[in-house]
PDB file of all heavy atoms in Angstrom:
ATOM      1  N   PHE A   1     -57.517  18.438 -29.926  1.00  0.00           N
ATOM      2  CA  PHE A   1     -58.505  19.547 -30.165  1.00  0.00           C
ATOM      3  C   PHE A   1     -58.306  20.596 -29.133  1.00  0.00           C
ATOM      4  O   PHE A   1     -58.413  20.318 -27.836  1.00  0.00           O
ATOM      5  CB  PHE A   1     -59.870  19.053 -30.246  1.00  0.00           C
ATOM      6  CG  PHE A   1     -60.188  17.979 -31.268  1.00  0.00           C
ATOM      7  CD1 PHE A   1     -59.934  16.661 -30.960  1.00  0.00           C
ATOM      8  CD2 PHE A   1     -60.556  18.332 -32.498  1.00  0.00           C
ATOM      9  CE1 PHE A   1     -60.134  15.707 -32.011  1.00  0.00           C
ATOM     10  CE2 PHE A   1     -60.665  17.392 -33.556  1.00  0.00           C
ATOM     11  CZ  PHE A   1     -60.541  16.079 -33.241  1.00  0.00           C
ATOM     12  N   LEU A   2     -58.123  21.847 -29.494  1.00  0.00           N
ATOM     13  CA  LEU A   2     -57.915  22.899 -28.647  1.00  0.00           C
ATOM     14  C   LEU A   2     -58.872  24.116 -28.939  1.00  0.00           C
ATOM     15  O   LEU A   2     -59.233  24.273 -30.157  1.00  0.00           O
ATOM     16  CB  LEU A   2     -56.441  23.406 -28.695  1.00  0.00           C
ATOM     17  CG  LEU A   2     -55.272  22.522 -28.443  1.00  0.00           C
ATOM     18  CD1 LEU A   2     -54.791  22.066 -29.745  1.00  0.00           C
ATOM     19  CD2 LEU A   2     -54.258  23.083 -27.612  1.00  0.00           C
ATOM     20  N   VAL A   3     -59.045  24.931 -27.984  1.00  0.00           N
ATOM     21  CA  VAL A   3     -59.621  26.235 -28.184  1.00  0.00           C
ATOM     22  C   VAL A   3     -58.542  27.301 -28.093  1.00  0.00           C
ATOM     23  O   VAL A   3     -57.902  27.376 -27.014  1.00  0.00           O
ATOM     24  CB  VAL A   3     -60.759  26.562 -27.172  1.00  0.00           C
ATOM     25  CG1 VAL A   3     -61.254  27.995 -27.321  1.00  0.00           C
ATOM     26  CG2 VAL A   3     -61.877  25.563 -27.185  1.00  0.00           C
ATOM     27  N   ASP A   4     -58.184  27.851 -29.204  1.00  0.00           N
ATOM     28  CA  ASP A   4     -57.015  28.657 -29.208  1.00  0.00           C
ATOM     29  C   ASP A   4     -57.325  30.091 -28.613  1.00  0.00           C
ATOM     30  O   ASP A   4     -58.406  30.375 -28.138  1.00  0.00           O
ATOM     31  CB  ASP A   4     -56.473  28.782 -30.684  1.00  0.00           C
ATOM     32  CG  ASP A   4     -57.407  29.727 -31.602  1.00  0.00           C
ATOM     33  OD1 ASP A   4     -58.328  30.253 -31.131  1.00  0.00           O
ATOM     34  OD2 ASP A   4     -57.090  29.677 -32.774  1.00  0.00           O
ATOM     35  N   GLN A   5     -56.313  30.999 -28.765  1.00  0.00           N
ATOM     36  CA  GLN A   5     -56.417  32.288 -28.165  1.00  0.00           C
ATOM     37  C   GLN A   5     -57.468  33.212 -28.690  1.00  0.00           C
ATOM     38  O   GLN A   5     -57.862  34.194 -28.129  1.00  0.00           O
ATOM     39  CB  GLN A   5     -54.960  33.007 -28.250  1.00  0.00           C
ATOM     40  CG  GLN A   5     -54.564  33.347 -29.736  1.00  0.00           C
ATOM     41  CD  GLN A   5     -53.893  32.299 -30.475  1.00  0.00           C
ATOM     42  OE1 GLN A   5     -53.993  31.072 -30.028  1.00  0.00           O
ATOM     43  NE2 GLN A   5     -53.176  32.607 -31.561  1.00  0.00           N
ATOM     44  N   ASN A   6     -57.877  32.822 -29.872  1.00  0.00           N
ATOM     45  CA  ASN A   6     -58.988  33.622 -30.601  1.00  0.00           C
ATOM     46  C   ASN A   6     -60.397  33.004 -30.318  1.00  0.00           C
ATOM     47  O   ASN A   6     -61.375  33.412 -30.887  1.00  0.00           O
ATOM     48  CB  ASN A   6     -58.785  33.656 -32.051  1.00  0.00           C
ATOM     49  CG  ASN A   6     -57.467  34.379 -32.396  1.00  0.00           C
ATOM     50  OD1 ASN A   6     -57.104  35.440 -31.771  1.00  0.00           O
ATOM     51  ND2 ASN A   6     -56.553  33.822 -33.284  1.00  0.00           N
ATOM     52  N   GLY A   7     -60.435  31.875 -29.600  1.00  0.00           N
ATOM     53  CA  GLY A   7     -61.652  31.196 -29.270  1.00  0.00           C
ATOM     54  C   GLY A   7     -62.100  30.224 -30.394  1.00  0.00           C
ATOM     55  O   GLY A   7     -63.278  29.667 -30.315  1.00  0.00           O
ATOM     56  N   ASN A   8     -61.175  29.854 -31.340  1.00  0.00           N
ATOM     57  CA  ASN A   8     -61.515  28.919 -32.297  1.00  0.00           C
ATOM     58  C   ASN A   8     -61.108  27.533 -31.971  1.00  0.00           C
ATOM     59  O   ASN A   8     -60.141  27.330 -31.269  1.00  0.00           O
ATOM     60  CB  ASN A   8     -60.771  29.335 -33.717  1.00  0.00           C
ATOM     61  CG  ASN A   8     -61.191  30.644 -34.172  1.00  0.00           C
ATOM     62  OD1 ASN A   8     -62.376  30.987 -34.135  1.00  0.00           O
ATOM     63  ND2 ASN A   8     -60.190  31.452 -34.594  1.00  0.00           N
ATOM     64  N   ILE A   9     -61.843  26.558 -32.420  1.00  0.00           N
ATOM     65  CA  ILE A   9     -61.465  25.135 -32.240  1.00  0.00           C
ATOM     66  C   ILE A   9     -60.506  24.717 -33.252  1.00  0.00           C
ATOM     67  O   ILE A   9     -60.838  24.715 -34.453  1.00  0.00           O
ATOM     68  CB  ILE A   9     -62.764  24.272 -32.162  1.00  0.00           C
ATOM     69  CG1 ILE A   9     -63.666  24.693 -30.972  1.00  0.00           C
ATOM     70  CG2 ILE A   9     -62.385  22.837 -31.950  1.00  0.00           C
ATOM     71  CD1 ILE A   9     -65.035  23.894 -30.899  1.00  0.00           C
ATOM     72  N   ILE A  10     -59.423  24.172 -32.809  1.00  0.00           N
ATOM     73  CA  ILE A  10     -58.268  23.870 -33.762  1.00  0.00           C
ATOM     74  C   ILE A  10     -57.959  22.354 -33.523  1.00  0.00           C
ATOM     75  O   ILE A  10     -57.756  21.968 -32.302  1.00  0.00           O
ATOM     76  CB  ILE A  10     -57.089  24.796 -33.487  1.00  0.00           C
ATOM     77  CG1 ILE A  10     -57.443  26.177 -33.696  1.00  0.00           C
ATOM     78  CG2 ILE A  10     -56.033  24.331 -34.476  1.00  0.00           C
ATOM     79  CD1 ILE A  10     -57.845  26.590 -35.022  1.00  0.00           C
ATOM     80  N   SER A  11     -57.667  21.592 -34.652  1.00  0.00           N
ATOM     81  CA  SER A  11     -57.299  20.277 -34.562  1.00  0.00           C
ATOM     82  C   SER A  11     -55.809  20.208 -34.977  1.00  0.00           C
ATOM     83  O   SER A  11     -55.412  20.770 -36.016  1.00  0.00           O
ATOM     84  CB  SER A  11     -58.141  19.422 -35.518  1.00  0.00           C
ATOM     85  OG  SER A  11     -57.569  18.066 -35.604  1.00  0.00           O
ATOM     86  N   LEU A  12     -54.916  19.516 -34.244  1.00  0.00           N
ATOM     87  CA  LEU A  12     -53.551  19.400 -34.571  1.00  0.00           C
ATOM     88  C   LEU A  12     -53.144  17.922 -34.433  1.00  0.00           C
ATOM     89  O   LEU A  12     -53.656  17.085 -33.696  1.00  0.00           O
ATOM     90  CB  LEU A  12     -52.648  20.201 -33.492  1.00  0.00           C
ATOM     91  CG  LEU A  12     -52.936  21.633 -33.387  1.00  0.00           C
ATOM     92  CD1 LEU A  12     -52.046  22.255 -32.155  1.00  0.00           C
ATOM     93  CD2 LEU A  12     -52.490  22.297 -34.693  1.00  0.00           C
ATOM     94  N   ARG A  13     -52.119  17.580 -35.308  1.00  0.00           N
ATOM     95  CA  ARG A  13     -51.485  16.311 -35.261  1.00  0.00           C
ATOM     96  C   ARG A  13     -50.045  16.432 -34.721  1.00  0.00           C
ATOM     97  O   ARG A  13     -49.571  17.462 -34.625  1.00  0.00           O
ATOM     98  CB  ARG A  13     -51.421  15.623 -36.678  1.00  0.00           C
ATOM     99  CG  ARG A  13     -52.776  15.298 -37.302  1.00  0.00           C
ATOM    100  CD  ARG A  13     -52.524  14.684 -38.689  1.00  0.00           C
ATOM    101  NE  ARG A  13     -53.795  14.379 -39.405  1.00  0.00           N
ATOM    102  CZ  ARG A  13     -54.326  13.047 -39.254  1.00  0.00           C
ATOM    103  NH1 ARG A  13     -53.657  12.151 -38.636  1.00  0.00           N
ATOM    104  NH2 ARG A  13     -55.416  12.734 -39.827  1.00  0.00           N
ATOM    105  N   LYS A  14     -49.483  15.297 -34.277  1.00  0.00           N
ATOM    106  CA  LYS A  14     -48.120  15.348 -33.929  1.00  0.00           C
ATOM    107  C   LYS A  14     -47.129  15.939 -34.985  1.00  0.00           C
ATOM    108  O   LYS A  14     -47.227  15.491 -36.132  1.00  0.00           O
ATOM    109  CB  LYS A  14     -47.565  13.954 -33.549  1.00  0.00           C
ATOM    110  CG  LYS A  14     -46.212  13.882 -33.022  1.00  0.00           C
ATOM    111  CD  LYS A  14     -45.744  12.520 -32.649  1.00  0.00           C
ATOM    112  CE  LYS A  14     -44.335  12.330 -32.122  1.00  0.00           C
ATOM    113  NZ  LYS A  14     -43.902  11.085 -31.771  1.00  0.00           N
ATOM    114  N   GLY A  15     -46.367  16.895 -34.673  1.00  0.00           N
ATOM    115  CA  GLY A  15     -45.436  17.529 -35.522  1.00  0.00           C
ATOM    116  C   GLY A  15     -45.988  18.745 -36.154  1.00  0.00           C
ATOM    117  O   GLY A  15     -45.172  19.590 -36.775  1.00  0.00           O
ATOM    118  N   ASP A  16     -47.297  19.079 -35.941  1.00  0.00           N
ATOM    119  CA  ASP A  16     -47.845  20.320 -36.516  1.00  0.00           C
ATOM    120  C   ASP A  16     -47.329  21.590 -35.747  1.00  0.00           C
ATOM    121  O   ASP A  16     -46.892  21.481 -34.547  1.00  0.00           O
ATOM    122  CB  ASP A  16     -49.400  20.367 -36.324  1.00  0.00           C
ATOM    123  CG  ASP A  16     -50.042  19.538 -37.416  1.00  0.00           C
ATOM    124  OD1 ASP A  16     -49.408  19.059 -38.259  1.00  0.00           O
ATOM    125  OD2 ASP A  16     -51.262  19.303 -37.253  1.00  0.00           O
ATOM    126  N   LYS A  17     -47.118  22.633 -36.526  1.00  0.00           N
ATOM    127  CA  LYS A  17     -46.617  23.849 -35.948  1.00  0.00           C
ATOM    128  C   LYS A  17     -47.607  24.535 -35.047  1.00  0.00           C
ATOM    129  O   LYS A  17     -48.704  24.664 -35.298  1.00  0.00           O
ATOM    130  CB  LYS A  17     -46.147  24.862 -37.033  1.00  0.00           C
ATOM    131  CG  LYS A  17     -45.009  24.328 -37.869  1.00  0.00           C
ATOM    132  CD  LYS A  17     -44.470  25.348 -38.909  1.00  0.00           C
ATOM    133  CE  LYS A  17     -43.242  24.981 -39.588  1.00  0.00           C
ATOM    134  NZ  LYS A  17     -42.876  26.030 -40.573  1.00  0.00           N
ATOM    135  N   VAL A  18     -47.043  25.095 -34.032  1.00  0.00           N
ATOM    136  CA  VAL A  18     -47.786  26.069 -33.179  1.00  0.00           C
ATOM    137  C   VAL A  18     -46.931  27.301 -33.034  1.00  0.00           C
ATOM    138  O   VAL A  18     -45.715  27.337 -33.443  1.00  0.00           O
ATOM    139  CB  VAL A  18     -48.129  25.541 -31.774  1.00  0.00           C
ATOM    140  CG1 VAL A  18     -49.112  24.334 -31.984  1.00  0.00           C
ATOM    141  CG2 VAL A  18     -46.866  25.137 -30.987  1.00  0.00           C
ATOM    142  N   TYR A  19     -47.354  28.432 -32.428  1.00  0.00           N
ATOM    143  CA  TYR A  19     -46.596  29.574 -32.204  1.00  0.00           C
ATOM    144  C   TYR A  19     -45.350  29.240 -31.301  1.00  0.00           C
ATOM    145  O   TYR A  19     -45.522  28.704 -30.255  1.00  0.00           O
ATOM    146  CB  TYR A  19     -47.404  30.667 -31.500  1.00  0.00           C
ATOM    147  CG  TYR A  19     -46.616  31.856 -31.140  1.00  0.00           C
ATOM    148  CD1 TYR A  19     -45.849  32.573 -32.057  1.00  0.00           C
ATOM    149  CD2 TYR A  19     -46.757  32.501 -29.904  1.00  0.00           C
ATOM    150  CE1 TYR A  19     -45.073  33.770 -31.713  1.00  0.00           C
ATOM    151  CE2 TYR A  19     -46.119  33.642 -29.529  1.00  0.00           C
ATOM    152  CZ  TYR A  19     -45.262  34.255 -30.508  1.00  0.00           C
ATOM    153  OH  TYR A  19     -44.579  35.420 -30.155  1.00  0.00           O
ATOM    154  N   LEU A  20     -44.135  29.443 -31.898  1.00  0.00           N
ATOM    155  CA  LEU A  20     -42.813  29.185 -31.276  1.00  0.00           C
ATOM    156  C   LEU A  20     -42.503  27.827 -31.121  1.00  0.00           C
ATOM    157  O   LEU A  20     -41.469  27.371 -30.484  1.00  0.00           O
ATOM    158  CB  LEU A  20     -42.796  29.776 -29.871  1.00  0.00           C
ATOM    159  CG  LEU A  20     -43.008  31.322 -29.698  1.00  0.00           C
ATOM    160  CD1 LEU A  20     -42.944  31.700 -28.286  1.00  0.00           C
ATOM    161  CD2 LEU A  20     -42.059  32.145 -30.594  1.00  0.00           C
ATOM    162  N   GLY A  21     -43.152  26.811 -31.740  1.00  0.00           N
ATOM    163  CA  GLY A  21     -42.894  25.379 -31.654  1.00  0.00           C
ATOM    164  C   GLY A  21     -43.679  24.466 -32.359  1.00  0.00           C
ATOM    165  O   GLY A  21     -44.342  24.774 -33.315  1.00  0.00           O
ATOM    166  N   THR A  22     -43.816  23.257 -31.791  1.00  0.00           N
ATOM    167  CA  THR A  22     -44.567  22.190 -32.578  1.00  0.00           C
ATOM    168  C   THR A  22     -45.229  21.255 -31.380  1.00  0.00           C
ATOM    169  O   THR A  22     -44.768  21.345 -30.254  1.00  0.00           O
ATOM    170  CB  THR A  22     -43.671  21.234 -33.379  1.00  0.00           C
ATOM    171  OG1 THR A  22     -42.635  20.659 -32.600  1.00  0.00           O
ATOM    172  CG2 THR A  22     -43.066  22.006 -34.539  1.00  0.00           C
ATOM    173  N   LEU A  23     -46.204  20.564 -31.876  1.00  0.00           N
ATOM    174  CA  LEU A  23     -46.852  19.395 -30.983  1.00  0.00           C
ATOM    175  C   LEU A  23     -45.813  18.243 -31.029  1.00  0.00           C
ATOM    176  O   LEU A  23     -45.667  17.655 -32.070  1.00  0.00           O
ATOM    177  CB  LEU A  23     -48.180  19.170 -31.513  1.00  0.00           C
ATOM    178  CG  LEU A  23     -48.884  17.867 -30.831  1.00  0.00           C
ATOM    179  CD1 LEU A  23     -49.030  18.096 -29.337  1.00  0.00           C
ATOM    180  CD2 LEU A  23     -50.232  17.707 -31.512  1.00  0.00           C
ATOM    181  N   SER A  24     -45.179  17.900 -29.864  1.00  0.00           N
ATOM    182  CA  SER A  24     -44.276  16.884 -29.888  1.00  0.00           C
ATOM    183  C   SER A  24     -44.727  15.575 -29.495  1.00  0.00           C
ATOM    184  O   SER A  24     -44.204  14.429 -29.986  1.00  0.00           O
ATOM    185  CB  SER A  24     -43.099  17.245 -28.952  1.00  0.00           C
ATOM    186  OG  SER A  24     -43.543  17.371 -27.618  1.00  0.00           O
ATOM    187  N   SER A  25     -45.824  15.423 -28.693  1.00  0.00           N
ATOM    188  CA  SER A  25     -46.285  14.072 -28.337  1.00  0.00           C
ATOM    189  C   SER A  25     -47.734  14.179 -27.855  1.00  0.00           C
ATOM    190  O   SER A  25     -48.266  15.232 -27.420  1.00  0.00           O
ATOM    191  CB  SER A  25     -45.467  13.441 -27.252  1.00  0.00           C
ATOM    192  OG  SER A  25     -45.546  14.205 -26.088  1.00  0.00           O
ATOM    193  N   ILE A  26     -48.448  13.063 -28.085  1.00  0.00           N
ATOM    194  CA  ILE A  26     -49.942  12.977 -27.680  1.00  0.00           C
ATOM    195  C   ILE A  26     -50.015  11.690 -26.667  1.00  0.00           C
ATOM    196  O   ILE A  26     -49.626  10.593 -27.020  1.00  0.00           O
ATOM    197  CB  ILE A  26     -50.777  12.772 -28.875  1.00  0.00           C
ATOM    198  CG1 ILE A  26     -50.708  14.021 -29.707  1.00  0.00           C
ATOM    199  CG2 ILE A  26     -52.275  12.517 -28.346  1.00  0.00           C
ATOM    200  CD1 ILE A  26     -51.539  13.756 -31.045  1.00  0.00           C
ATOM    201  N   ASP A  27     -50.434  11.898 -25.470  1.00  0.00           N
ATOM    202  CA  ASP A  27     -50.577  10.817 -24.483  1.00  0.00           C
ATOM    203  C   ASP A  27     -52.135  10.635 -24.308  1.00  0.00           C
ATOM    204  O   ASP A  27     -52.722  11.254 -23.403  1.00  0.00           O
ATOM    205  CB  ASP A  27     -49.930  11.276 -23.150  1.00  0.00           C
ATOM    206  CG  ASP A  27     -49.954  10.178 -22.230  1.00  0.00           C
ATOM    207  OD1 ASP A  27     -50.664   9.138 -22.297  1.00  0.00           O
ATOM    208  OD2 ASP A  27     -49.070  10.232 -21.230  1.00  0.00           O
ATOM    209  N   PHE A  28     -52.694   9.745 -25.086  1.00  0.00           N
ATOM    210  CA  PHE A  28     -54.106   9.433 -25.012  1.00  0.00           C
ATOM    211  C   PHE A  28     -54.515   8.973 -23.686  1.00  0.00           C
ATOM    212  O   PHE A  28     -55.574   9.292 -23.174  1.00  0.00           O
ATOM    213  CB  PHE A  28     -54.468   8.523 -26.165  1.00  0.00           C
ATOM    214  CG  PHE A  28     -55.914   8.195 -26.147  1.00  0.00           C
ATOM    215  CD1 PHE A  28     -56.894   9.068 -26.569  1.00  0.00           C
ATOM    216  CD2 PHE A  28     -56.340   6.841 -25.811  1.00  0.00           C
ATOM    217  CE1 PHE A  28     -58.256   8.820 -26.578  1.00  0.00           C
ATOM    218  CE2 PHE A  28     -57.716   6.537 -25.835  1.00  0.00           C
ATOM    219  CZ  PHE A  28     -58.619   7.423 -26.245  1.00  0.00           C
ATOM    220  N   SER A  29     -53.676   8.008 -23.143  1.00  0.00           N
ATOM    221  CA  SER A  29     -54.123   7.394 -21.833  1.00  0.00           C
ATOM    222  C   SER A  29     -54.244   8.421 -20.688  1.00  0.00           C
ATOM    223  O   SER A  29     -55.182   8.279 -19.892  1.00  0.00           O
ATOM    224  CB  SER A  29     -53.031   6.294 -21.441  1.00  0.00           C
ATOM    225  OG  SER A  29     -52.973   5.367 -22.468  1.00  0.00           O
ATOM    226  N   ASN A  30     -53.379   9.335 -20.739  1.00  0.00           N
ATOM    227  CA  ASN A  30     -53.427  10.292 -19.620  1.00  0.00           C
ATOM    228  C   ASN A  30     -54.004  11.691 -20.043  1.00  0.00           C
ATOM    229  O   ASN A  30     -54.109  12.592 -19.273  1.00  0.00           O
ATOM    230  CB  ASN A  30     -51.977  10.553 -19.092  1.00  0.00           C
ATOM    231  CG  ASN A  30     -51.344   9.386 -18.419  1.00  0.00           C
ATOM    232  OD1 ASN A  30     -51.937   8.789 -17.484  1.00  0.00           O
ATOM    233  ND2 ASN A  30     -50.156   9.071 -18.860  1.00  0.00           N
ATOM    234  N   GLU A  31     -54.582  11.639 -21.238  1.00  0.00           N
ATOM    235  CA  GLU A  31     -55.268  12.867 -21.851  1.00  0.00           C
ATOM    236  C   GLU A  31     -54.394  14.070 -21.718  1.00  0.00           C
ATOM    237  O   GLU A  31     -54.784  15.189 -21.233  1.00  0.00           O
ATOM    238  CB  GLU A  31     -56.559  12.973 -21.027  1.00  0.00           C
ATOM    239  CG  GLU A  31     -57.543  11.765 -21.192  1.00  0.00           C
ATOM    240  CD  GLU A  31     -58.858  12.062 -20.535  1.00  0.00           C
ATOM    241  OE1 GLU A  31     -58.865  12.801 -19.504  1.00  0.00           O
ATOM    242  OE2 GLU A  31     -59.911  11.483 -21.002  1.00  0.00           O
TER     243      GLU A  31
END
């Protein structure tokens, strides 16, 4: 869960697109 450049709360899964790329990995243990 992120607060994006517009101040909106956004939820992303692994592989979802972002500007210029994608979310490649989630490390829950190290947050």
